[in-house]
Amino acid sequence: MARPIITVFGGSGFIGRHVIQRLAAQGFNVRAVVRDVEAAGFLRPMGDAGQVVPWPASVTDRQSVRTAVDGAVAVVNAVGILSEWGKQTFERVHVSGARNIAEAAADAGVHRLVHISALGANVGSESNYARTKAEGETAVRTAFPTATIMRPSVIFGPEDGFFNMFAGLCRFTPVLPVIGAPIIPDVRLGGEHGVEINLYGTGGPRFQPVYVGDVADAIVAALNDAAATSKTYELTGPTVYNFKELMELILAVTNRKRLLMPLCYTAAELVGFFAGLLPKPLLTRDQVILLQSDNVASGDLPGLADLGVQIHTAEAILPTYLHRFRTPSHRHAV
């Protein structure tokens, strides 16, 4: 008997590769939809010969999307971008692309659709990223009402773009930024030293980082659980950190000492504006706007525990891949 097919859009991406590994282990045939088939060759060994097939398609091309979902029993949309470049705009990828996948899945008679959105998705947000993520959810729900929507917080794992970026910066810069610090430091008289100066305010925006393996487990669990249909899940880790605490965590894991530089939102937006002119910016103005809202669970929606996922802490996972950013003398320390 032929194995059932599951199509994963964004198969070679950060989330997609972990989902594919789990689906292959469960015995599914997987179409890993990517734009560059040759670059996705590393996915093939995740299953038996011919079990994982890199499949060329673009979410903005309706016909290629329909071909990719034909004959599939389930579809996962793990496609998303953090910054725009050329034709890769938030509107085309997060909204039009999501709509194309949902409509094609509905027309093909697909049983399950899991759509990856983002924590903080909001149609009223000033951030184009957050707004289009919310509009994408609406487009998916309209075309495929029983779709399961996942809203992860900042995701960490070996290939992440957040912790790896700041840990990498530690190699070359004497400082790390604390985005969201106040423009004017808080100065108070009194205390042990007569004057207390708070440069960081409340420490910047709050996050609830979630392990990529837990996100992948949640996606696979939702595909296998009929009770997950039509629901929206907030995928978050067990701990809430502010921006300053995340920088301190990175320094502790990499065993490096760096100054923490307070950076108010206004200054960060200016940096993001100019950095955003690059093809692969480290920071954009839209991301700074997004940072002005906390990225934590609302508590109004189900989460990882409701899908039976064992949640991993950042303190347990980060040392397993950030150790390479330690100084040579500490690189092998646990």
C-alpha atoms as a PDB file:
ATOM      1  CA  MET A   1       0.000   0.000   0.000  1.00  0.00           C
ATOM      2  CA  ALA A   2       1.307   3.429  -0.954  1.00  0.00           C
ATOM      3  CA  ARG A   3       2.209   5.744   1.865  1.00  0.00           C
ATOM      4  CA  PRO A   4      -0.045   8.814   2.301  1.00  0.00           C
ATOM      5  CA  ILE A   5       1.466  12.062   1.051  1.00  0.00           C
ATOM      6  CA  ILE A   6       1.860  15.225   3.087  1.00  0.00           C
ATOM      7  CA  THR A   7       2.965  18.426   1.353  1.00  0.00           C
ATOM      8  CA  VAL A   8       5.126  20.822   3.359  1.00  0.00           C
ATOM      9  CA  PHE A   9       5.562  24.316   1.931  1.00  0.00           C
ATOM     10  CA  GLY A  10       8.809  25.879   3.101  1.00  0.00           C
ATOM     11  CA  GLY A  11      10.293  22.418   3.464  1.00  0.00           C
ATOM     12  CA  SER A  12      13.917  23.525   3.620  1.00  0.00           C
ATOM     13  CA  GLY A  13      13.227  26.345   6.059  1.00  0.00           C
ATOM     14  CA  PHE A  14      13.860  26.566   9.774  1.00  0.00           C
ATOM     15  CA  ILE A  15      10.560  24.978  10.809  1.00  0.00           C
ATOM     16  CA  GLY A  16       9.916  22.888   7.707  1.00  0.00           C
ATOM     17  CA  ARG A  17      12.984  20.674   7.984  1.00  0.00           C
ATOM     18  CA  HIS A  18      12.085  19.645  11.530  1.00  0.00           C
ATOM     19  CA  VAL A  19       8.500  18.893  10.524  1.00  0.00           C
ATOM     20  CA  ILE A  20       9.673  16.775   7.583  1.00  0.00           C
ATOM     21  CA  GLN A  21      12.004  14.747   9.778  1.00  0.00           C
ATOM     22  CA  ARG A  22       9.119  13.858  12.087  1.00  0.00           C
ATOM     23  CA  LEU A  23       6.651  13.096   9.296  1.00  0.00           C
ATOM     24  CA  ALA A  24       9.145  10.789   7.591  1.00  0.00           C
ATOM     25  CA  ALA A  25       9.723   8.964  10.881  1.00  0.00           C
ATOM     26  CA  GLN A  26       5.957   8.379  11.092  1.00  0.00           C
ATOM     27  CA  GLY A  27       5.961   6.767   7.657  1.00  0.00           C
ATOM     28  CA  PHE A  28       4.516   9.508   5.465  1.00  0.00           C
ATOM     29  CA  ASN A  29       5.756  10.387   2.014  1.00  0.00           C
ATOM     30  CA  VAL A  30       6.679  14.062   2.057  1.00  0.00           C
ATOM     31  CA  ARG A  31       6.701  16.617  -0.730  1.00  0.00           C
ATOM     32  CA  ALA A  32       9.082  19.280   0.503  1.00  0.00           C
ATOM     33  CA  VAL A  33       8.065  22.338  -1.481  1.00  0.00           C
ATOM     34  CA  VAL A  34      11.003  24.654  -2.089  1.00  0.00           C
ATOM     35  CA  ARG A  35      12.118  27.227  -4.625  1.00  0.00           C
ATOM     36  CA  ASP A  36      15.582  25.683  -5.077  1.00  0.00           C
ATOM     37  CA  VAL A  37      15.405  21.893  -5.396  1.00  0.00           C
ATOM     38  CA  GLU A  38      19.172  21.376  -5.578  1.00  0.00           C
ATOM     39  CA  ALA A  39      19.769  23.340  -2.373  1.00  0.00           C
ATOM     40  CA  ALA A  40      17.163  21.183  -0.622  1.00  0.00           C
ATOM     41  CA  GLY A  41      18.971  17.927  -1.335  1.00  0.00           C
ATOM     42  CA  PHE A  42      19.891  17.618   2.353  1.00  0.00           C
ATOM     43  CA  LEU A  43      16.251  16.731   3.067  1.00  0.00           C
ATOM     44  CA  ARG A  44      16.308  13.438   1.141  1.00  0.00           C
ATOM     45  CA  PRO A  45      18.260  11.407   3.776  1.00  0.00           C
ATOM     46  CA  MET A  46      15.591  12.244   6.360  1.00  0.00           C
ATOM     47  CA  GLY A  47      13.561   9.340   5.007  1.00  0.00           C
ATOM     48  CA  ASP A  48      13.932   6.144   2.997  1.00  0.00           C
ATOM     49  CA  ALA A  49      14.815   6.303  -0.678  1.00  0.00           C
ATOM     50  CA  GLY A  50      12.169   8.414  -2.409  1.00  0.00           C
ATOM     51  CA  GLN A  51      10.246   9.123   0.770  1.00  0.00           C
ATOM     52  CA  VAL A  52      11.184  12.808   0.994  1.00  0.00           C
ATOM     53  CA  VAL A  53      11.040  14.574  -2.366  1.00  0.00           C
ATOM     54  CA  PRO A  54      12.110  18.210  -2.825  1.00  0.00           C
ATOM     55  CA  TRP A  55       9.365  19.718  -4.974  1.00  0.00           C
ATOM     56  CA  PRO A  56       9.759  22.937  -7.003  1.00  0.00           C
ATOM     57  CA  ALA A  57       6.988  25.492  -6.502  1.00  0.00           C
ATOM     58  CA  SER A  58       6.367  29.064  -5.419  1.00  0.00           C
ATOM     59  CA  VAL A  59       3.504  30.010  -3.117  1.00  0.00           C
ATOM     60  CA  THR A  60       2.827  33.007  -5.362  1.00  0.00           C
ATOM     61  CA  ASP A  61       2.309  30.745  -8.399  1.00  0.00           C
ATOM     62  CA  ARG A  62      -1.198  29.302  -8.124  1.00  0.00           C
ATOM     63  CA  GLN A  63      -0.671  26.509 -10.652  1.00  0.00           C
ATOM     64  CA  SER A  64       2.562  25.239  -9.083  1.00  0.00           C
ATOM     65  CA  VAL A  65       0.838  25.253  -5.671  1.00  0.00           C
ATOM     66  CA  ARG A  66      -2.057  23.193  -7.020  1.00  0.00           C
ATOM     67  CA  THR A  67       0.334  20.668  -8.513  1.00  0.00           C
ATOM     68  CA  ALA A  68       2.198  20.393  -5.192  1.00  0.00           C
ATOM     69  CA  VAL A  69      -0.940  19.567  -3.173  1.00  0.00           C
ATOM     70  CA  ASP A  70      -2.532  17.194  -5.697  1.00  0.00           C
ATOM     71  CA  GLY A  71      -3.031  13.806  -4.062  1.00  0.00           C
ATOM     72  CA  ALA A  72      -1.890  14.935  -0.601  1.00  0.00           C
ATOM     73  CA  VAL A  73      -3.889  14.034   2.509  1.00  0.00           C
ATOM     74  CA  ALA A  74      -2.511  16.974   4.485  1.00  0.00           C
ATOM     75  CA  VAL A  75      -0.672  20.245   3.901  1.00  0.00           C
ATOM     76  CA  VAL A  76       1.609  22.340   6.114  1.00  0.00           C
ATOM     77  CA  ASN A  77       2.357  25.959   5.253  1.00  0.00           C
ATOM     78  CA  ALA A  78       5.606  26.939   6.951  1.00  0.00           C
ATOM     79  CA  VAL A  79       6.473  29.749   4.525  1.00  0.00           C
ATOM     80  CA  GLY A  80       7.227  33.186   5.918  1.00  0.00           C
ATOM     81  CA  ILE A  81       9.677  36.067   5.578  1.00  0.00           C
ATOM     82  CA  LEU A  82      11.027  38.486   8.178  1.00  0.00           C
ATOM     83  CA  SER A  83      11.973  41.233   5.724  1.00  0.00           C
ATOM     84  CA  GLU A  84      10.976  42.230   2.221  1.00  0.00           C
ATOM     85  CA  TRP A  85      13.234  42.198  -0.803  1.00  0.00           C
ATOM     86  CA  GLY A  86      12.270  42.597  -4.450  1.00  0.00           C
ATOM     87  CA  LYS A  87       9.146  40.604  -5.275  1.00  0.00           C
ATOM     88  CA  GLN A  88       9.269  38.847  -1.905  1.00  0.00           C
ATOM     89  CA  THR A  89       6.865  41.140  -0.084  1.00  0.00           C
ATOM     90  CA  PHE A  90       4.824  40.467   3.034  1.00  0.00           C
ATOM     91  CA  GLU A  91       1.626  40.880   1.037  1.00  0.00           C
ATOM     92  CA  ARG A  92       2.629  38.353  -1.628  1.00  0.00           C
ATOM     93  CA  VAL A  93       4.029  35.737   0.757  1.00  0.00           C
ATOM     94  CA  HIS A  94       1.934  36.027   3.933  1.00  0.00           C
ATOM     95  CA  VAL A  95      -1.423  36.854   2.349  1.00  0.00           C
ATOM     96  CA  SER A  96      -1.571  35.879  -1.327  1.00  0.00           C
ATOM     97  CA  GLY A  97       0.671  32.846  -0.828  1.00  0.00           C
ATOM     98  CA  ALA A  98      -1.326  31.634   2.175  1.00  0.00           C
ATOM     99  CA  ARG A  99      -4.555  32.090   0.237  1.00  0.00           C
ATOM    100  CA  ASN A 100      -3.188  30.153  -2.752  1.00  0.00           C
ATOM    101  CA  ILE A 101      -2.228  27.211  -0.543  1.00  0.00           C
ATOM    102  CA  ALA A 102      -5.540  27.144   1.350  1.00  0.00           C
ATOM    103  CA  GLU A 103      -7.640  27.388  -1.806  1.00  0.00           C
ATOM    104  CA  ALA A 104      -5.611  24.697  -3.565  1.00  0.00           C
ATOM    105  CA  ALA A 105      -5.843  22.413  -0.527  1.00  0.00           C
ATOM    106  CA  ALA A 106      -9.623  22.873  -0.343  1.00  0.00           C
ATOM    107  CA  ASP A 107     -10.087  22.231  -4.063  1.00  0.00           C
ATOM    108  CA  ALA A 108      -7.897  19.113  -3.898  1.00  0.00           C
ATOM    109  CA  GLY A 109      -9.910  17.607  -1.046  1.00  0.00           C
ATOM    110  CA  VAL A 110      -7.021  17.734   1.437  1.00  0.00           C
ATOM    111  CA  HIS A 111      -8.094  16.491   4.880  1.00  0.00           C
ATOM    112  CA  ARG A 112      -5.891  18.675   7.101  1.00  0.00           C
ATOM    113  CA  LEU A 113      -4.168  22.042   6.746  1.00  0.00           C
ATOM    114  CA  VAL A 114      -1.797  23.503   9.332  1.00  0.00           C
ATOM    115  CA  HIS A 115      -0.857  27.130   8.762  1.00  0.00           C
ATOM    116  CA  ILE A 116       2.076  28.747  10.584  1.00  0.00           C
ATOM    117  CA  SER A 117       1.338  32.344  11.532  1.00  0.00           C
ATOM    118  CA  ALA A 118       3.023  34.324  14.310  1.00  0.00           C
ATOM    119  CA  LEU A 119       2.358  35.387  17.874  1.00  0.00           C
ATOM    120  CA  GLY A 120       1.328  39.018  17.717  1.00  0.00           C
ATOM    121  CA  ALA A 121      -0.482  38.728  14.384  1.00  0.00           C
ATOM    122  CA  ASN A 122      -2.862  41.691  14.379  1.00  0.00           C
ATOM    123  CA  VAL A 123      -4.797  43.344  11.566  1.00  0.00           C
ATOM    124  CA  GLY A 124      -4.468  46.667  13.372  1.00  0.00           C
ATOM    125  CA  SER A 125      -0.704  46.502  13.863  1.00  0.00           C
ATOM    126  CA  GLU A 126       1.552  49.235  12.489  1.00  0.00           C
ATOM    127  CA  SER A 127       4.026  46.473  11.642  1.00  0.00           C
ATOM    128  CA  ASN A 128       3.493  45.197   8.106  1.00  0.00           C
ATOM    129  CA  TYR A 129       4.786  41.793   9.210  1.00  0.00           C
ATOM    130  CA  ALA A 130       2.217  41.405  12.005  1.00  0.00           C
ATOM    131  CA  ARG A 131      -0.619  42.859   9.938  1.00  0.00           C
ATOM    132  CA  THR A 132      -0.048  40.591   6.933  1.00  0.00           C
ATOM    133  CA  LYS A 133       0.313  37.559   9.182  1.00  0.00           C
ATOM    134  CA  ALA A 134      -3.164  38.312  10.539  1.00  0.00           C
ATOM    135  CA  GLU A 135      -4.557  38.915   7.056  1.00  0.00           C
ATOM    136  CA  GLY A 136      -3.044  35.602   5.993  1.00  0.00           C
ATOM    137  CA  GLU A 137      -4.903  33.852   8.815  1.00  0.00           C
ATOM    138  CA  THR A 138      -8.181  35.365   7.592  1.00  0.00           C
ATOM    139  CA  ALA A 139      -7.470  34.270   4.018  1.00  0.00           C
ATOM    140  CA  VAL A 140      -6.751  30.721   5.186  1.00  0.00           C
ATOM    141  CA  ARG A 141      -9.860  30.525   7.371  1.00  0.00           C
ATOM    142  CA  THR A 142     -12.026  31.784   4.494  1.00  0.00           C
ATOM    143  CA  ALA A 143     -10.745  29.189   2.024  1.00  0.00           C
ATOM    144  CA  PHE A 144     -10.224  26.297   4.461  1.00  0.00           C
ATOM    145  CA  PRO A 145     -12.377  26.806   7.600  1.00  0.00           C
ATOM    146  CA  THR A 146     -11.090  23.701   9.410  1.00  0.00           C
ATOM    147  CA  ALA A 147      -7.434  24.751   9.136  1.00  0.00           C
ATOM    148  CA  THR A 148      -5.306  24.696  12.286  1.00  0.00           C
ATOM    149  CA  ILE A 149      -3.370  27.922  12.847  1.00  0.00           C
ATOM    150  CA  MET A 150      -0.148  28.039  14.861  1.00  0.00           C
ATOM    151  CA  ARG A 151       1.167  31.277  16.354  1.00  0.00           C
ATOM    152  CA  PRO A 152       4.703  30.714  17.643  1.00  0.00           C
ATOM    153  CA  SER A 153       6.705  33.258  19.617  1.00  0.00           C
ATOM    154  CA  VAL A 154      10.388  33.790  18.772  1.00  0.00           C
ATOM    155  CA  ILE A 155      11.659  30.348  17.813  1.00  0.00           C
ATOM    156  CA  PHE A 156      15.061  29.081  18.926  1.00  0.00           C
ATOM    157  CA  GLY A 157      17.036  26.130  17.631  1.00  0.00           C
ATOM    158  CA  PRO A 158      20.260  25.290  15.765  1.00  0.00           C
ATOM    159  CA  GLU A 159      19.351  27.284  12.643  1.00  0.00           C
ATOM    160  CA  ASP A 160      17.556  30.206  14.316  1.00  0.00           C
ATOM    161  CA  GLY A 161      18.120  33.775  13.206  1.00  0.00           C
ATOM    162  CA  PHE A 162      17.812  35.450  16.612  1.00  0.00           C
ATOM    163  CA  PHE A 163      20.101  33.788  19.142  1.00  0.00           C
ATOM    164  CA  ASN A 164      22.697  32.855  16.520  1.00  0.00           C
ATOM    165  CA  MET A 165      22.793  36.444  15.268  1.00  0.00           C
ATOM    166  CA  PHE A 166      23.389  38.040  18.654  1.00  0.00           C
ATOM    167  CA  ALA A 167      25.804  35.301  19.747  1.00  0.00           C
ATOM    168  CA  GLY A 168      27.718  35.908  16.507  1.00  0.00           C
ATOM    169  CA  LEU A 169      27.844  39.632  17.171  1.00  0.00           C
ATOM    170  CA  CYS A 170      29.614  38.890  20.452  1.00  0.00           C
ATOM    171  CA  ARG A 171      32.635  37.778  18.425  1.00  0.00           C
ATOM    172  CA  PHE A 172      33.100  41.162  16.783  1.00  0.00           C
ATOM    173  CA  THR A 173      31.560  43.871  18.942  1.00  0.00           C
ATOM    174  CA  PRO A 174      32.203  44.984  22.520  1.00  0.00           C
ATOM    175  CA  VAL A 175      28.508  45.691  23.095  1.00  0.00           C
ATOM    176  CA  LEU A 176      25.078  44.146  22.663  1.00  0.00           C
ATOM    177  CA  PRO A 177      21.990  46.337  22.294  1.00  0.00           C
ATOM    178  CA  VAL A 178      19.032  46.454  24.623  1.00  0.00           C
ATOM    179  CA  ILE A 179      16.308  47.613  22.259  1.00  0.00           C
ATOM    180  CA  GLY A 180      13.456  49.396  23.974  1.00  0.00           C
ATOM    181  CA  ALA A 181      15.481  51.174  26.634  1.00  0.00           C
ATOM    182  CA  PRO A 182      14.161  54.622  27.637  1.00  0.00           C
ATOM    183  CA  ILE A 183      15.405  57.751  25.857  1.00  0.00           C
ATOM    184  CA  ILE A 184      16.226  59.364  29.195  1.00  0.00           C
ATOM    185  CA  PRO A 185      17.670  57.156  31.970  1.00  0.00           C
ATOM    186  CA  ASP A 186      15.754  56.933  35.225  1.00  0.00           C
ATOM    187  CA  VAL A 187      17.780  58.714  37.919  1.00  0.00           C
ATOM    188  CA  ARG A 188      16.766  58.341  41.542  1.00  0.00           C
ATOM    189  CA  LEU A 189      18.329  59.834  44.646  1.00  0.00           C
ATOM    190  CA  GLY A 190      18.976  57.609  47.611  1.00  0.00           C
ATOM    191  CA  GLY A 191      20.050  54.023  47.861  1.00  0.00           C
ATOM    192  CA  GLU A 192      23.398  52.560  48.839  1.00  0.00           C
ATOM    193  CA  HIS A 193      25.439  54.855  46.576  1.00  0.00           C
ATOM    194  CA  GLY A 194      23.367  58.020  46.904  1.00  0.00           C
ATOM    195  CA  VAL A 195      22.235  57.958  43.261  1.00  0.00           C
ATOM    196  CA  GLU A 196      20.664  55.096  41.330  1.00  0.00           C
ATOM    197  CA  ILE A 197      20.670  55.202  37.529  1.00  0.00           C
ATOM    198  CA  ASN A 198      18.522  52.811  35.506  1.00  0.00           C
ATOM    199  CA  LEU A 199      19.635  52.810  31.869  1.00  0.00           C
ATOM    200  CA  TYR A 200      17.335  50.028  30.698  1.00  0.00           C
ATOM    201  CA  GLY A 201      13.893  50.872  32.066  1.00  0.00           C
ATOM    202  CA  THR A 202      11.860  47.658  32.181  1.00  0.00           C
ATOM    203  CA  GLY A 203      14.413  45.862  29.998  1.00  0.00           C
ATOM    204  CA  GLY A 204      12.632  46.275  26.670  1.00  0.00           C
ATOM    205  CA  PRO A 205       9.909  44.134  25.102  1.00  0.00           C
ATOM    206  CA  ARG A 206       9.032  40.744  26.563  1.00  0.00           C
ATOM    207  CA  PHE A 207       9.303  37.420  24.733  1.00  0.00           C
ATOM    208  CA  GLN A 208       8.355  33.804  25.391  1.00  0.00           C
ATOM    209  CA  PRO A 209      10.827  31.903  23.147  1.00  0.00           C
ATOM    210  CA  VAL A 210       9.815  28.446  21.972  1.00  0.00           C
ATOM    211  CA  TYR A 211      12.016  25.546  20.835  1.00  0.00           C
ATOM    212  CA  VAL A 212      11.729  24.656  17.141  1.00  0.00           C
ATOM    213  CA  GLY A 213      11.467  20.964  18.017  1.00  0.00           C
ATOM    214  CA  ASP A 214       8.423  21.716  20.169  1.00  0.00           C
ATOM    215  CA  VAL A 215       6.861  23.704  17.327  1.00  0.00           C
ATOM    216  CA  ALA A 216       7.429  20.801  14.919  1.00  0.00           C
ATOM    217  CA  ASP A 217       5.957  18.342  17.444  1.00  0.00           C
ATOM    218  CA  ALA A 218       2.899  20.581  17.766  1.00  0.00           C
ATOM    219  CA  ILE A 219       2.395  20.708  13.998  1.00  0.00           C
ATOM    220  CA  VAL A 220       2.626  16.927  13.646  1.00  0.00           C
ATOM    221  CA  ALA A 221       0.325  16.439  16.652  1.00  0.00           C
ATOM    222  CA  ALA A 222      -2.260  18.739  15.069  1.00  0.00           C
ATOM    223  CA  LEU A 223      -2.118  16.773  11.818  1.00  0.00           C
ATOM    224  CA  ASN A 224      -2.886  13.600  13.745  1.00  0.00           C
ATOM    225  CA  ASP A 225      -5.558  15.010  16.071  1.00  0.00           C
ATOM    226  CA  ALA A 226      -9.032  15.721  14.694  1.00  0.00           C
ATOM    227  CA  ALA A 227      -9.745  17.846  17.770  1.00  0.00           C
ATOM    228  CA  ALA A 228      -7.164  20.379  16.558  1.00  0.00           C
ATOM    229  CA  THR A 229      -9.128  21.321  13.450  1.00  0.00           C
ATOM    230  CA  SER A 230     -10.463  24.888  13.272  1.00  0.00           C
ATOM    231  CA  LYS A 231      -8.374  25.905  16.304  1.00  0.00           C
ATOM    232  CA  THR A 232      -5.673  28.520  16.785  1.00  0.00           C
ATOM    233  CA  TYR A 233      -2.750  27.699  19.088  1.00  0.00           C
ATOM    234  CA  GLU A 234      -0.235  30.005  20.760  1.00  0.00           C
ATOM    235  CA  LEU A 235       3.116  28.218  20.818  1.00  0.00           C
ATOM    236  CA  THR A 236       5.339  29.589  23.565  1.00  0.00           C
ATOM    237  CA  GLY A 237       8.053  28.403  25.891  1.00  0.00           C
ATOM    238  CA  PRO A 238       7.694  28.202  29.679  1.00  0.00           C
ATOM    239  CA  THR A 239       9.586  31.411  30.518  1.00  0.00           C
ATOM    240  CA  VAL A 240       9.015  35.101  29.800  1.00  0.00           C
ATOM    241  CA  TYR A 241      12.148  37.224  29.277  1.00  0.00           C
ATOM    242  CA  ASN A 242      12.615  40.882  28.498  1.00  0.00           C
ATOM    243  CA  PHE A 243      15.110  41.897  25.803  1.00  0.00           C
ATOM    244  CA  LYS A 244      17.844  42.642  28.337  1.00  0.00           C
ATOM    245  CA  GLU A 245      17.434  39.232  29.967  1.00  0.00           C
ATOM    246  CA  LEU A 246      17.777  37.530  26.580  1.00  0.00           C
ATOM    247  CA  MET A 247      21.050  39.365  25.908  1.00  0.00           C
ATOM    248  CA  GLU A 248      22.275  38.346  29.375  1.00  0.00           C
ATOM    249  CA  LEU A 249      21.276  34.744  28.666  1.00  0.00           C
ATOM    250  CA  ILE A 250      23.255  34.736  25.424  1.00  0.00           C
ATOM    251  CA  LEU A 251      26.317  36.119  27.208  1.00  0.00           C
ATOM    252  CA  ALA A 252      26.010  33.484  29.935  1.00  0.00           C
ATOM    253  CA  VAL A 253      25.709  30.624  27.449  1.00  0.00           C
ATOM    254  CA  THR A 254      28.614  31.848  25.292  1.00  0.00           C
ATOM    255  CA  ASN A 255      30.673  32.699  28.397  1.00  0.00           C
ATOM    256  CA  ARG A 256      31.480  36.169  27.099  1.00  0.00           C
ATOM    257  CA  LYS A 257      31.446  39.579  28.753  1.00  0.00           C
ATOM    258  CA  ARG A 258      30.026  42.472  26.768  1.00  0.00           C
ATOM    259  CA  LEU A 259      28.554  45.837  27.652  1.00  0.00           C
ATOM    260  CA  LEU A 260      24.802  46.132  27.233  1.00  0.00           C
ATOM    261  CA  MET A 261      24.059  49.315  25.296  1.00  0.00           C
ATOM    262  CA  PRO A 262      20.624  50.895  25.849  1.00  0.00           C
ATOM    263  CA  LEU A 263      18.959  51.621  22.509  1.00  0.00           C
ATOM    264  CA  CYS A 264      15.647  53.465  22.473  1.00  0.00           C
ATOM    265  CA  TYR A 265      13.051  52.643  19.842  1.00  0.00           C
ATOM    266  CA  THR A 266      13.629  55.899  17.958  1.00  0.00           C
ATOM    267  CA  ALA A 267      17.333  55.186  17.529  1.00  0.00           C
ATOM    268  CA  ALA A 268      16.625  51.548  16.702  1.00  0.00           C
ATOM    269  CA  GLU A 269      14.167  52.582  13.965  1.00  0.00           C
ATOM    270  CA  LEU A 270      16.859  54.789  12.429  1.00  0.00           C
ATOM    271  CA  VAL A 271      19.316  51.880  12.456  1.00  0.00           C
ATOM    272  CA  GLY A 272      16.667  49.594  11.032  1.00  0.00           C
ATOM    273  CA  PHE A 273      15.833  52.015   8.232  1.00  0.00           C
ATOM    274  CA  PHE A 274      19.378  52.023   6.859  1.00  0.00           C
ATOM    275  CA  ALA A 275      20.059  48.337   7.609  1.00  0.00           C
ATOM    276  CA  GLY A 276      16.810  47.474   5.855  1.00  0.00           C
ATOM    277  CA  LEU A 277      18.244  48.694   2.562  1.00  0.00           C
ATOM    278  CA  LEU A 278      20.479  45.608   2.494  1.00  0.00           C
ATOM    279  CA  PRO A 279      19.380  42.285   0.886  1.00  0.00           C
ATOM    280  CA  LYS A 280      19.557  40.353   4.174  1.00  0.00           C
ATOM    281  CA  PRO A 281      19.302  42.966   6.929  1.00  0.00           C
ATOM    282  CA  LEU A 282      20.070  42.194  10.566  1.00  0.00           C
ATOM    283  CA  LEU A 283      17.347  44.650  11.551  1.00  0.00           C
ATOM    284  CA  THR A 284      14.575  46.556   9.757  1.00  0.00           C
ATOM    285  CA  ARG A 285      12.359  49.448  10.768  1.00  0.00           C
ATOM    286  CA  ASP A 286       9.325  47.162  10.561  1.00  0.00           C
ATOM    287  CA  GLN A 287      10.953  44.751  13.012  1.00  0.00           C
ATOM    288  CA  VAL A 288      11.579  47.595  15.457  1.00  0.00           C
ATOM    289  CA  ILE A 289       7.907  48.569  15.211  1.00  0.00           C
ATOM    290  CA  LEU A 290       7.036  44.940  15.917  1.00  0.00           C
ATOM    291  CA  LEU A 291       9.337  44.963  18.959  1.00  0.00           C
ATOM    292  CA  GLN A 292       7.312  47.746  20.532  1.00  0.00           C
ATOM    293  CA  SER A 293       4.702  45.163  21.525  1.00  0.00           C
ATOM    294  CA  ASP A 294       5.344  42.244  23.884  1.00  0.00           C
ATOM    295  CA  ASN A 295       5.532  38.829  22.223  1.00  0.00           C
ATOM    296  CA  VAL A 296       3.956  36.632  24.899  1.00  0.00           C
ATOM    297  CA  ALA A 297       0.941  34.324  25.106  1.00  0.00           C
ATOM    298  CA  SER A 298      -2.407  35.967  25.717  1.00  0.00           C
ATOM    299  CA  GLY A 299      -3.607  32.991  27.737  1.00  0.00           C
ATOM    300  CA  ASP A 300      -6.882  32.989  25.818  1.00  0.00           C
ATOM    301  CA  LEU A 301      -5.900  30.253  23.348  1.00  0.00           C
ATOM    302  CA  PRO A 302      -4.649  26.664  23.704  1.00  0.00           C
ATOM    303  CA  GLY A 303      -0.920  25.991  23.566  1.00  0.00           C
ATOM    304  CA  LEU A 304       1.726  23.282  23.407  1.00  0.00           C
ATOM    305  CA  ALA A 305       0.465  21.415  26.457  1.00  0.00           C
ATOM    306  CA  ASP A 306      -2.965  21.040  24.854  1.00  0.00           C
ATOM    307  CA  LEU A 307      -1.300  19.133  22.019  1.00  0.00           C
ATOM    308  CA  GLY A 308       0.600  16.880  24.412  1.00  0.00           C
ATOM    309  CA  VAL A 309       3.982  18.441  23.624  1.00  0.00           C
ATOM    310  CA  GLN A 310       6.737  18.285  26.228  1.00  0.00           C
ATOM    311  CA  ILE A 311       8.105  21.830  26.463  1.00  0.00           C
ATOM    312  CA  HIS A 312      11.865  22.498  26.474  1.00  0.00           C
ATOM    313  CA  THR A 313      13.514  25.493  28.128  1.00  0.00           C
ATOM    314  CA  ALA A 314      15.909  27.867  26.426  1.00  0.00           C
ATOM    315  CA  GLU A 315      18.480  27.198  29.165  1.00  0.00           C
ATOM    316  CA  ALA A 316      18.471  23.495  28.249  1.00  0.00           C
ATOM    317  CA  ILE A 317      18.699  23.900  24.461  1.00  0.00           C
ATOM    318  CA  LEU A 318      20.796  27.016  23.780  1.00  0.00           C
ATOM    319  CA  PRO A 319      24.100  25.532  25.061  1.00  0.00           C
ATOM    320  CA  THR A 320      23.748  22.638  22.589  1.00  0.00           C
ATOM    321  CA  TYR A 321      24.309  24.915  19.602  1.00  0.00           C
ATOM    322  CA  LEU A 322      25.641  28.253  20.862  1.00  0.00           C
ATOM    323  CA  HIS A 323      28.753  26.608  22.326  1.00  0.00           C
ATOM    324  CA  ARG A 324      30.564  27.334  19.051  1.00  0.00           C
ATOM    325  CA  PHE A 325      30.426  31.041  19.885  1.00  0.00           C
ATOM    326  CA  ARG A 326      32.383  30.595  23.100  1.00  0.00           C
ATOM    327  CA  THR A 327      35.998  31.659  23.351  1.00  0.00           C
ATOM    328  CA  PRO A 328      38.421  28.804  22.479  1.00  0.00           C
ATOM    329  CA  SER A 329      39.357  28.305  26.118  1.00  0.00           C
ATOM    330  CA  HIS A 330      35.729  27.768  27.106  1.00  0.00           C
ATOM    331  CA  ARG A 331      34.397  26.071  23.987  1.00  0.00           C
ATOM    332  CA  HIS A 332      34.401  22.576  25.466  1.00  0.00           C
ATOM    333  CA  ALA A 333      33.040  23.598  28.831  1.00  0.00           C
ATOM    334  CA  VAL A 334      29.535  22.422  29.691  1.00  0.00           C
END
